Amino acid sequence: MRITLFLILIFVVFGCKNQNTQPATIEESSTSLSGIADFDKFYYRFHADSAFQLAHVSFPLEGMPSHYGDKEIDIETYRWQKKDWTHHNLITSKEFESSFQVLDETLITEYIIHEKGTMGMKRRFSKSDDGWFLIYYAGMNPIKIN
């Protein structure tokens, strides 16, 4: 049952890998996601355009794979590789809630939590002179409920 739920969650979150290099049409929300306008514009394009996304991920990317507790992986040295990357789609499912923690004008952490509060992901974005980049990604893993 847990494995089936996990597979469904992964499919909902990531969808099918986008083979089309043309940007998808995503209607930008009039509500600010993070409170930082240039980040919001980047965020929508990041999810709509697979080539743009690949160009804005800092590979090899620090983070942890989904369900890392089930695998024998050294989290200290684990890195996502470009050749293994699956396109991240914009999350539109009401089963997940995304929230942003703005640390400053150049560093934003996003938390994506399942409505039951037992599973979640974490992404960290950083702004440099070349624009915004994904610099950390922790895949879907169990989270602690406080």
N, C-alpha and C. Protein backbone atom coordinates (compact mmCIF):
# COMPACT_ATOMS: atom_id res chain seq x y z
N MET A 1 0.82 -1.20 0.00
CA MET A 1 0.00 0.00 0.00
C MET A 1 0.87 1.26 0.00
N ARG A 2 1.93 1.28 0.84
CA ARG A 2 2.80 2.45 0.92
C ARG A 2 3.53 2.68 -0.41
N ILE A 3 3.96 1.60 -1.03
CA ILE A 3 4.69 1.72 -2.30
C ILE A 3 3.74 2.24 -3.37
N THR A 4 2.50 1.75 -3.41
CA THR A 4 1.53 2.22 -4.38
C THR A 4 1.26 3.70 -4.19
N LEU A 5 1.04 4.13 -2.95
CA LEU A 5 0.81 5.54 -2.66
C LEU A 5 2.01 6.37 -3.08
N PHE A 6 3.21 5.88 -2.79
CA PHE A 6 4.42 6.61 -3.17
C PHE A 6 4.51 6.77 -4.68
N LEU A 7 4.24 5.70 -5.42
CA LEU A 7 4.32 5.77 -6.88
C LEU A 7 3.28 6.74 -7.44
N ILE A 8 2.09 6.74 -6.87
CA ILE A 8 1.06 7.68 -7.30
C ILE A 8 1.51 9.11 -7.02
N LEU A 9 2.07 9.34 -5.85
CA LEU A 9 2.54 10.69 -5.50
C LEU A 9 3.63 11.16 -6.45
N ILE A 10 4.57 10.29 -6.75
CA ILE A 10 5.66 10.66 -7.66
C ILE A 10 5.09 10.99 -9.03
N PHE A 11 4.14 10.18 -9.52
CA PHE A 11 3.54 10.45 -10.82
C PHE A 11 2.82 11.79 -10.83
N VAL A 12 2.06 12.07 -9.79
CA VAL A 12 1.33 13.33 -9.71
C VAL A 12 2.30 14.50 -9.67
N VAL A 13 3.35 14.39 -8.87
CA VAL A 13 4.28 15.50 -8.70
C VAL A 13 5.10 15.75 -9.95
N PHE A 14 5.63 14.71 -10.52
CA PHE A 14 6.55 14.90 -11.64
C PHE A 14 5.93 14.68 -13.00
N GLY A 15 4.78 14.00 -13.06
CA GLY A 15 4.15 13.75 -14.34
C GLY A 15 5.08 12.97 -15.24
N CYS A 16 4.77 12.95 -16.47
CA CYS A 16 5.63 12.29 -17.45
C CYS A 16 6.76 13.23 -17.82
N LYS A 17 7.90 12.66 -18.12
CA LYS A 17 9.05 13.47 -18.52
C LYS A 17 8.70 14.19 -19.81
N ASN A 18 8.87 15.50 -19.82
CA ASN A 18 8.53 16.32 -20.97
C ASN A 18 9.60 16.19 -22.04
N GLN A 19 9.26 15.54 -23.16
CA GLN A 19 10.20 15.38 -24.25
C GLN A 19 10.17 16.58 -25.19
N ASN A 20 9.14 17.40 -25.08
CA ASN A 20 8.99 18.57 -25.94
C ASN A 20 9.84 19.70 -25.40
N THR A 21 10.65 20.30 -26.26
CA THR A 21 11.50 21.40 -25.80
C THR A 21 10.80 22.74 -25.92
N GLN A 22 9.59 22.76 -26.49
CA GLN A 22 8.83 24.00 -26.56
C GLN A 22 8.24 24.30 -25.18
N PRO A 23 8.26 25.56 -24.77
CA PRO A 23 7.70 25.89 -23.47
C PRO A 23 6.21 25.57 -23.42
N ALA A 24 5.79 24.98 -22.31
CA ALA A 24 4.37 24.74 -22.10
C ALA A 24 3.71 26.05 -21.74
N THR A 25 2.41 26.13 -21.95
CA THR A 25 1.70 27.34 -21.59
C THR A 25 1.24 27.21 -20.15
N ILE A 26 1.71 28.10 -19.32
CA ILE A 26 1.29 28.13 -17.92
C ILE A 26 0.83 29.54 -17.63
N GLU A 27 -0.36 29.63 -17.13
CA GLU A 27 -0.89 30.95 -16.80
C GLU A 27 -0.32 31.38 -15.46
N GLU A 28 0.41 32.47 -15.47
CA GLU A 28 1.00 32.96 -14.23
C GLU A 28 -0.09 33.51 -13.32
N SER A 29 0.02 33.22 -12.07
CA SER A 29 -0.92 33.70 -11.08
C SER A 29 -0.69 35.18 -10.83
N SER A 30 -1.77 35.89 -10.56
CA SER A 30 -1.62 37.31 -10.23
C SER A 30 -1.16 37.46 -8.78
N THR A 31 -1.23 36.40 -8.02
CA THR A 31 -0.77 36.41 -6.64
C THR A 31 0.71 36.05 -6.60
N SER A 32 1.47 36.82 -5.87
CA SER A 32 2.90 36.56 -5.76
C SER A 32 3.14 35.27 -4.99
N LEU A 33 4.05 34.46 -5.49
CA LEU A 33 4.41 33.23 -4.80
C LEU A 33 5.33 33.52 -3.62
N SER A 34 6.37 34.30 -3.91
CA SER A 34 7.44 34.50 -2.92
C SER A 34 7.53 35.93 -2.42
N GLY A 35 6.88 36.85 -3.14
CA GLY A 35 7.03 38.25 -2.82
C GLY A 35 8.17 38.90 -3.58
N ILE A 36 8.89 38.12 -4.38
CA ILE A 36 10.00 38.63 -5.18
C ILE A 36 9.63 38.42 -6.64
N ALA A 37 9.31 39.51 -7.33
CA ALA A 37 8.75 39.45 -8.69
C ALA A 37 9.64 38.69 -9.67
N ASP A 38 10.94 38.95 -9.68
CA ASP A 38 11.78 38.26 -10.67
C ASP A 38 11.88 36.77 -10.38
N PHE A 39 11.76 36.38 -9.11
CA PHE A 39 11.75 34.95 -8.79
C PHE A 39 10.47 34.30 -9.30
N ASP A 40 9.34 34.96 -9.10
CA ASP A 40 8.06 34.40 -9.54
C ASP A 40 8.07 34.16 -11.06
N LYS A 41 8.58 35.11 -11.82
CA LYS A 41 8.66 34.96 -13.27
C LYS A 41 9.57 33.78 -13.63
N PHE A 42 10.73 33.69 -12.97
CA PHE A 42 11.64 32.58 -13.16
C PHE A 42 10.95 31.24 -12.83
N TYR A 43 10.25 31.19 -11.71
CA TYR A 43 9.62 29.97 -11.22
C TYR A 43 8.64 29.39 -12.25
N TYR A 44 7.82 30.24 -12.83
CA TYR A 44 6.87 29.76 -13.83
C TYR A 44 7.59 29.26 -15.08
N ARG A 45 8.60 29.98 -15.53
CA ARG A 45 9.34 29.55 -16.71
C ARG A 45 10.12 28.27 -16.43
N PHE A 46 10.68 28.15 -15.23
CA PHE A 46 11.43 26.97 -14.83
C PHE A 46 10.60 25.71 -15.02
N HIS A 47 9.32 25.79 -14.69
CA HIS A 47 8.45 24.62 -14.80
C HIS A 47 7.87 24.43 -16.19
N ALA A 48 7.82 25.48 -17.00
CA ALA A 48 7.20 25.42 -18.32
C ALA A 48 8.16 24.99 -19.41
N ASP A 49 9.44 25.28 -19.25
CA ASP A 49 10.41 25.12 -20.33
C ASP A 49 11.52 24.17 -19.87
N SER A 50 11.53 22.96 -20.44
CA SER A 50 12.49 21.94 -19.98
C SER A 50 13.94 22.33 -20.26
N ALA A 51 14.21 22.97 -21.38
CA ALA A 51 15.59 23.41 -21.67
C ALA A 51 16.03 24.49 -20.69
N PHE A 52 15.13 25.42 -20.40
CA PHE A 52 15.43 26.47 -19.43
C PHE A 52 15.70 25.85 -18.06
N GLN A 53 14.88 24.86 -17.69
CA GLN A 53 15.06 24.21 -16.40
C GLN A 53 16.44 23.57 -16.29
N LEU A 54 16.83 22.81 -17.30
CA LEU A 54 18.14 22.17 -17.27
C LEU A 54 19.27 23.19 -17.17
N ALA A 55 19.10 24.32 -17.82
CA ALA A 55 20.12 25.37 -17.79
C ALA A 55 20.17 26.10 -16.46
N HIS A 56 19.12 25.92 -15.63
CA HIS A 56 19.05 26.64 -14.36
C HIS A 56 19.06 25.71 -13.15
N VAL A 57 19.66 24.55 -13.33
CA VAL A 57 19.91 23.63 -12.22
C VAL A 57 21.42 23.53 -12.08
N SER A 58 21.93 23.71 -10.90
CA SER A 58 23.38 23.67 -10.64
C SER A 58 23.84 22.22 -10.48
N PHE A 59 24.09 21.56 -11.62
CA PHE A 59 24.57 20.17 -11.60
C PHE A 59 26.07 20.15 -11.38
N PRO A 60 26.58 19.14 -10.69
CA PRO A 60 25.83 18.13 -9.93
C PRO A 60 25.15 18.79 -8.74
N LEU A 61 23.87 18.49 -8.57
CA LEU A 61 23.00 19.16 -7.62
C LEU A 61 22.99 18.47 -6.27
N GLU A 62 23.26 19.23 -5.24
CA GLU A 62 23.22 18.71 -3.88
C GLU A 62 21.78 18.37 -3.50
N GLY A 63 21.62 17.35 -2.68
CA GLY A 63 20.28 16.99 -2.22
C GLY A 63 20.21 15.56 -1.77
N MET A 64 19.00 15.01 -1.87
CA MET A 64 18.79 13.60 -1.52
C MET A 64 17.69 13.04 -2.40
N PRO A 65 17.81 11.76 -2.74
CA PRO A 65 16.79 11.13 -3.58
C PRO A 65 15.51 10.87 -2.81
N SER A 66 14.44 10.59 -3.53
CA SER A 66 13.19 10.20 -2.89
C SER A 66 13.40 8.92 -2.10
N HIS A 67 12.79 8.85 -0.95
CA HIS A 67 12.88 7.69 -0.06
C HIS A 67 14.31 7.24 0.18
N TYR A 68 15.17 8.18 0.49
CA TYR A 68 16.58 7.84 0.69
C TYR A 68 16.79 6.87 1.85
N GLY A 69 15.88 6.84 2.80
CA GLY A 69 16.00 5.92 3.93
C GLY A 69 15.90 4.46 3.52
N ASP A 70 15.29 4.23 2.34
CA ASP A 70 15.14 2.87 1.84
C ASP A 70 16.34 2.41 1.02
N LYS A 71 17.32 3.31 0.83
CA LYS A 71 18.46 3.02 -0.02
C LYS A 71 19.75 3.19 0.76
N GLU A 72 20.78 2.52 0.32
CA GLU A 72 22.08 2.70 0.94
C GLU A 72 22.82 3.78 0.19
N ILE A 73 22.62 5.03 0.62
CA ILE A 73 23.21 6.19 -0.04
C ILE A 73 23.86 7.07 1.00
N ASP A 74 25.03 7.57 0.66
CA ASP A 74 25.71 8.52 1.53
C ASP A 74 25.17 9.91 1.22
N ILE A 75 24.29 10.42 2.07
CA ILE A 75 23.64 11.71 1.86
C ILE A 75 24.65 12.85 1.81
N GLU A 76 25.75 12.71 2.50
CA GLU A 76 26.76 13.76 2.50
C GLU A 76 27.39 13.97 1.13
N THR A 77 27.47 12.92 0.34
CA THR A 77 28.13 13.03 -0.97
C THR A 77 27.16 12.87 -2.14
N TYR A 78 25.88 12.61 -1.86
CA TYR A 78 24.91 12.39 -2.94
C TYR A 78 24.74 13.66 -3.77
N ARG A 79 24.66 13.49 -5.10
CA ARG A 79 24.42 14.59 -6.02
C ARG A 79 23.52 14.11 -7.16
N TRP A 80 22.51 14.93 -7.51
CA TRP A 80 21.69 14.67 -8.69
C TRP A 80 22.54 14.97 -9.92
N GLN A 81 22.46 14.11 -10.92
CA GLN A 81 23.23 14.29 -12.14
C GLN A 81 22.30 14.71 -13.29
N LYS A 82 22.82 15.52 -14.18
CA LYS A 82 22.03 16.03 -15.31
C LYS A 82 21.46 14.89 -16.15
N LYS A 83 22.24 13.85 -16.39
CA LYS A 83 21.78 12.74 -17.23
C LYS A 83 20.61 11.98 -16.62
N ASP A 84 20.42 12.07 -15.30
CA ASP A 84 19.35 11.35 -14.62
C ASP A 84 18.17 12.26 -14.24
N TRP A 85 18.24 13.52 -14.62
CA TRP A 85 17.25 14.50 -14.18
C TRP A 85 15.89 14.26 -14.84
N THR A 86 14.83 14.37 -14.07
CA THR A 86 13.46 14.31 -14.56
C THR A 86 12.88 15.70 -14.43
N HIS A 87 12.28 16.20 -15.51
CA HIS A 87 11.71 17.54 -15.52
C HIS A 87 10.72 17.73 -14.38
N HIS A 88 10.84 18.82 -13.66
CA HIS A 88 9.89 19.17 -12.60
C HIS A 88 8.78 20.00 -13.22
N ASN A 89 7.56 19.53 -13.08
CA ASN A 89 6.40 20.26 -13.56
C ASN A 89 5.83 21.11 -12.43
N LEU A 90 5.08 22.12 -12.81
CA LEU A 90 4.40 22.95 -11.82
C LEU A 90 3.37 22.09 -11.10
N ILE A 91 3.33 22.17 -9.80
CA ILE A 91 2.40 21.36 -9.02
C ILE A 91 1.05 22.06 -9.01
N THR A 92 0.06 21.37 -9.57
CA THR A 92 -1.28 21.93 -9.62
C THR A 92 -2.27 21.09 -8.80
N SER A 93 -1.82 19.96 -8.29
CA SER A 93 -2.68 19.09 -7.51
C SER A 93 -3.00 19.74 -6.18
N LYS A 94 -4.26 19.67 -5.80
CA LYS A 94 -4.69 20.22 -4.51
C LYS A 94 -4.22 19.35 -3.34
N GLU A 95 -3.63 18.18 -3.65
CA GLU A 95 -3.12 17.30 -2.61
C GLU A 95 -1.80 17.80 -2.04
N PHE A 96 -1.18 18.76 -2.72
CA PHE A 96 0.11 19.29 -2.27
C PHE A 96 0.01 20.78 -2.04
N GLU A 97 0.72 21.23 -1.04
CA GLU A 97 0.78 22.66 -0.75
C GLU A 97 2.24 23.10 -0.82
N SER A 98 2.47 24.17 -1.54
CA SER A 98 3.81 24.71 -1.69
C SER A 98 3.91 25.99 -0.87
N SER A 99 4.99 26.13 -0.12
CA SER A 99 5.23 27.37 0.62
C SER A 99 6.68 27.77 0.43
N PHE A 100 6.91 29.08 0.54
CA PHE A 100 8.24 29.63 0.29
C PHE A 100 8.76 30.33 1.53
N GLN A 101 10.02 30.09 1.82
CA GLN A 101 10.71 30.79 2.89
C GLN A 101 11.77 31.65 2.22
N VAL A 102 11.56 32.96 2.25
CA VAL A 102 12.51 33.89 1.63
C VAL A 102 13.55 34.24 2.69
N LEU A 103 14.76 33.76 2.47
CA LEU A 103 15.84 34.02 3.42
C LEU A 103 16.43 35.40 3.19
N ASP A 104 16.53 35.79 1.91
CA ASP A 104 16.87 37.15 1.51
C ASP A 104 16.53 37.28 0.03
N GLU A 105 16.89 38.37 -0.60
CA GLU A 105 16.54 38.61 -2.00
C GLU A 105 17.21 37.65 -2.97
N THR A 106 18.15 36.83 -2.47
CA THR A 106 18.90 35.94 -3.35
C THR A 106 18.80 34.46 -2.95
N LEU A 107 18.02 34.14 -1.94
CA LEU A 107 17.95 32.75 -1.47
C LEU A 107 16.53 32.44 -0.99
N ILE A 108 15.91 31.45 -1.65
CA ILE A 108 14.53 31.07 -1.35
C ILE A 108 14.46 29.56 -1.22
N THR A 109 13.80 29.09 -0.15
CA THR A 109 13.55 27.67 0.04
C THR A 109 12.08 27.40 -0.18
N GLU A 110 11.78 26.36 -0.96
CA GLU A 110 10.40 25.95 -1.20
C GLU A 110 10.17 24.61 -0.52
N TYR A 111 9.04 24.51 0.17
CA TYR A 111 8.61 23.27 0.80
C TYR A 111 7.33 22.84 0.09
N ILE A 112 7.29 21.59 -0.36
CA ILE A 112 6.12 21.02 -1.02
C ILE A 112 5.67 19.85 -0.16
N ILE A 113 4.52 20.01 0.48
CA ILE A 113 4.06 19.03 1.47
C ILE A 113 2.73 18.44 1.03
N HIS A 114 2.61 17.12 1.16
CA HIS A 114 1.35 16.44 0.89
C HIS A 114 0.33 16.85 1.94
N GLU A 115 -0.93 16.92 1.55
CA GLU A 115 -1.98 17.40 2.45
C GLU A 115 -2.08 16.60 3.76
N LYS A 116 -1.67 15.35 3.75
CA LYS A 116 -1.70 14.56 4.98
C LYS A 116 -0.53 14.88 5.90
N GLY A 117 0.44 15.63 5.37
CA GLY A 117 1.56 16.08 6.18
C GLY A 117 2.59 15.01 6.50
N THR A 118 2.57 13.92 5.75
CA THR A 118 3.51 12.84 6.04
C THR A 118 4.65 12.74 5.03
N MET A 119 4.47 13.37 3.86
CA MET A 119 5.48 13.32 2.81
C MET A 119 5.74 14.73 2.31
N GLY A 120 6.99 14.96 1.90
CA GLY A 120 7.29 16.28 1.38
C GLY A 120 8.60 16.33 0.62
N MET A 121 8.80 17.47 -0.07
CA MET A 121 10.02 17.73 -0.83
C MET A 121 10.52 19.11 -0.43
N LYS A 122 11.79 19.34 -0.72
CA LYS A 122 12.39 20.64 -0.42
C LYS A 122 13.28 21.03 -1.59
N ARG A 123 13.14 22.29 -2.02
CA ARG A 123 13.99 22.82 -3.08
C ARG A 123 14.52 24.18 -2.61
N ARG A 124 15.77 24.46 -2.97
CA ARG A 124 16.37 25.75 -2.62
C ARG A 124 16.85 26.41 -3.90
N PHE A 125 16.50 27.67 -4.07
CA PHE A 125 16.86 28.45 -5.24
C PHE A 125 17.75 29.61 -4.80
N SER A 126 18.74 29.92 -5.64
CA SER A 126 19.67 31.01 -5.34
C SER A 126 19.81 31.89 -6.58
N LYS A 127 19.93 33.19 -6.33
CA LYS A 127 20.11 34.14 -7.44
C LYS A 127 21.56 34.56 -7.52
N SER A 128 22.09 34.51 -8.75
CA SER A 128 23.45 34.97 -9.01
C SER A 128 23.37 36.03 -10.10
N ASP A 129 24.50 36.48 -10.59
CA ASP A 129 24.51 37.45 -11.68
C ASP A 129 23.87 36.88 -12.94
N ASP A 130 23.84 35.55 -13.07
CA ASP A 130 23.27 34.89 -14.24
C ASP A 130 21.80 34.52 -14.06
N GLY A 131 21.19 34.94 -12.97
CA GLY A 131 19.77 34.65 -12.72
C GLY A 131 19.59 33.64 -11.60
N TRP A 132 18.37 33.12 -11.52
CA TRP A 132 18.01 32.16 -10.48
C TRP A 132 18.42 30.74 -10.89
N PHE A 133 18.83 29.94 -9.89
CA PHE A 133 19.21 28.55 -10.11
C PHE A 133 18.69 27.68 -8.97
N LEU A 134 18.32 26.44 -9.32
CA LEU A 134 18.01 25.44 -8.30
C LEU A 134 19.35 24.94 -7.78
N ILE A 135 19.59 25.06 -6.46
CA ILE A 135 20.88 24.68 -5.90
C ILE A 135 20.79 23.50 -4.94
N TYR A 136 19.54 23.07 -4.60
CA TYR A 136 19.36 21.94 -3.68
C TYR A 136 17.99 21.34 -3.96
N TYR A 137 17.92 20.00 -3.95
CA TYR A 137 16.64 19.33 -4.14
C TYR A 137 16.61 18.04 -3.33
N ALA A 138 15.69 17.97 -2.39
CA ALA A 138 15.42 16.74 -1.64
C ALA A 138 14.11 16.19 -2.17
N GLY A 139 14.16 15.00 -2.75
CA GLY A 139 12.97 14.37 -3.32
C GLY A 139 11.94 14.02 -2.26
N MET A 140 10.86 13.39 -2.70
CA MET A 140 9.75 13.02 -1.82
C MET A 140 10.24 12.05 -0.74
N ASN A 141 10.09 12.48 0.51
CA ASN A 141 10.51 11.68 1.65
C ASN A 141 9.53 11.88 2.79
N PRO A 142 9.48 10.94 3.73
CA PRO A 142 8.65 11.14 4.91
C PRO A 142 9.15 12.37 5.68
N ILE A 143 8.23 13.10 6.26
CA ILE A 143 8.59 14.26 7.06
C ILE A 143 8.07 14.06 8.48
N LYS A 144 8.69 14.77 9.40
CA LYS A 144 8.27 14.71 10.78
C LYS A 144 7.13 15.71 11.01
N ILE A 145 6.13 15.26 11.74
CA ILE A 145 5.01 16.14 12.10
C ILE A 145 5.26 16.65 13.51
N ASN A 146 5.28 17.97 13.64
CA ASN A 146 5.54 18.57 14.98
C ASN A 146 4.25 18.79 15.71
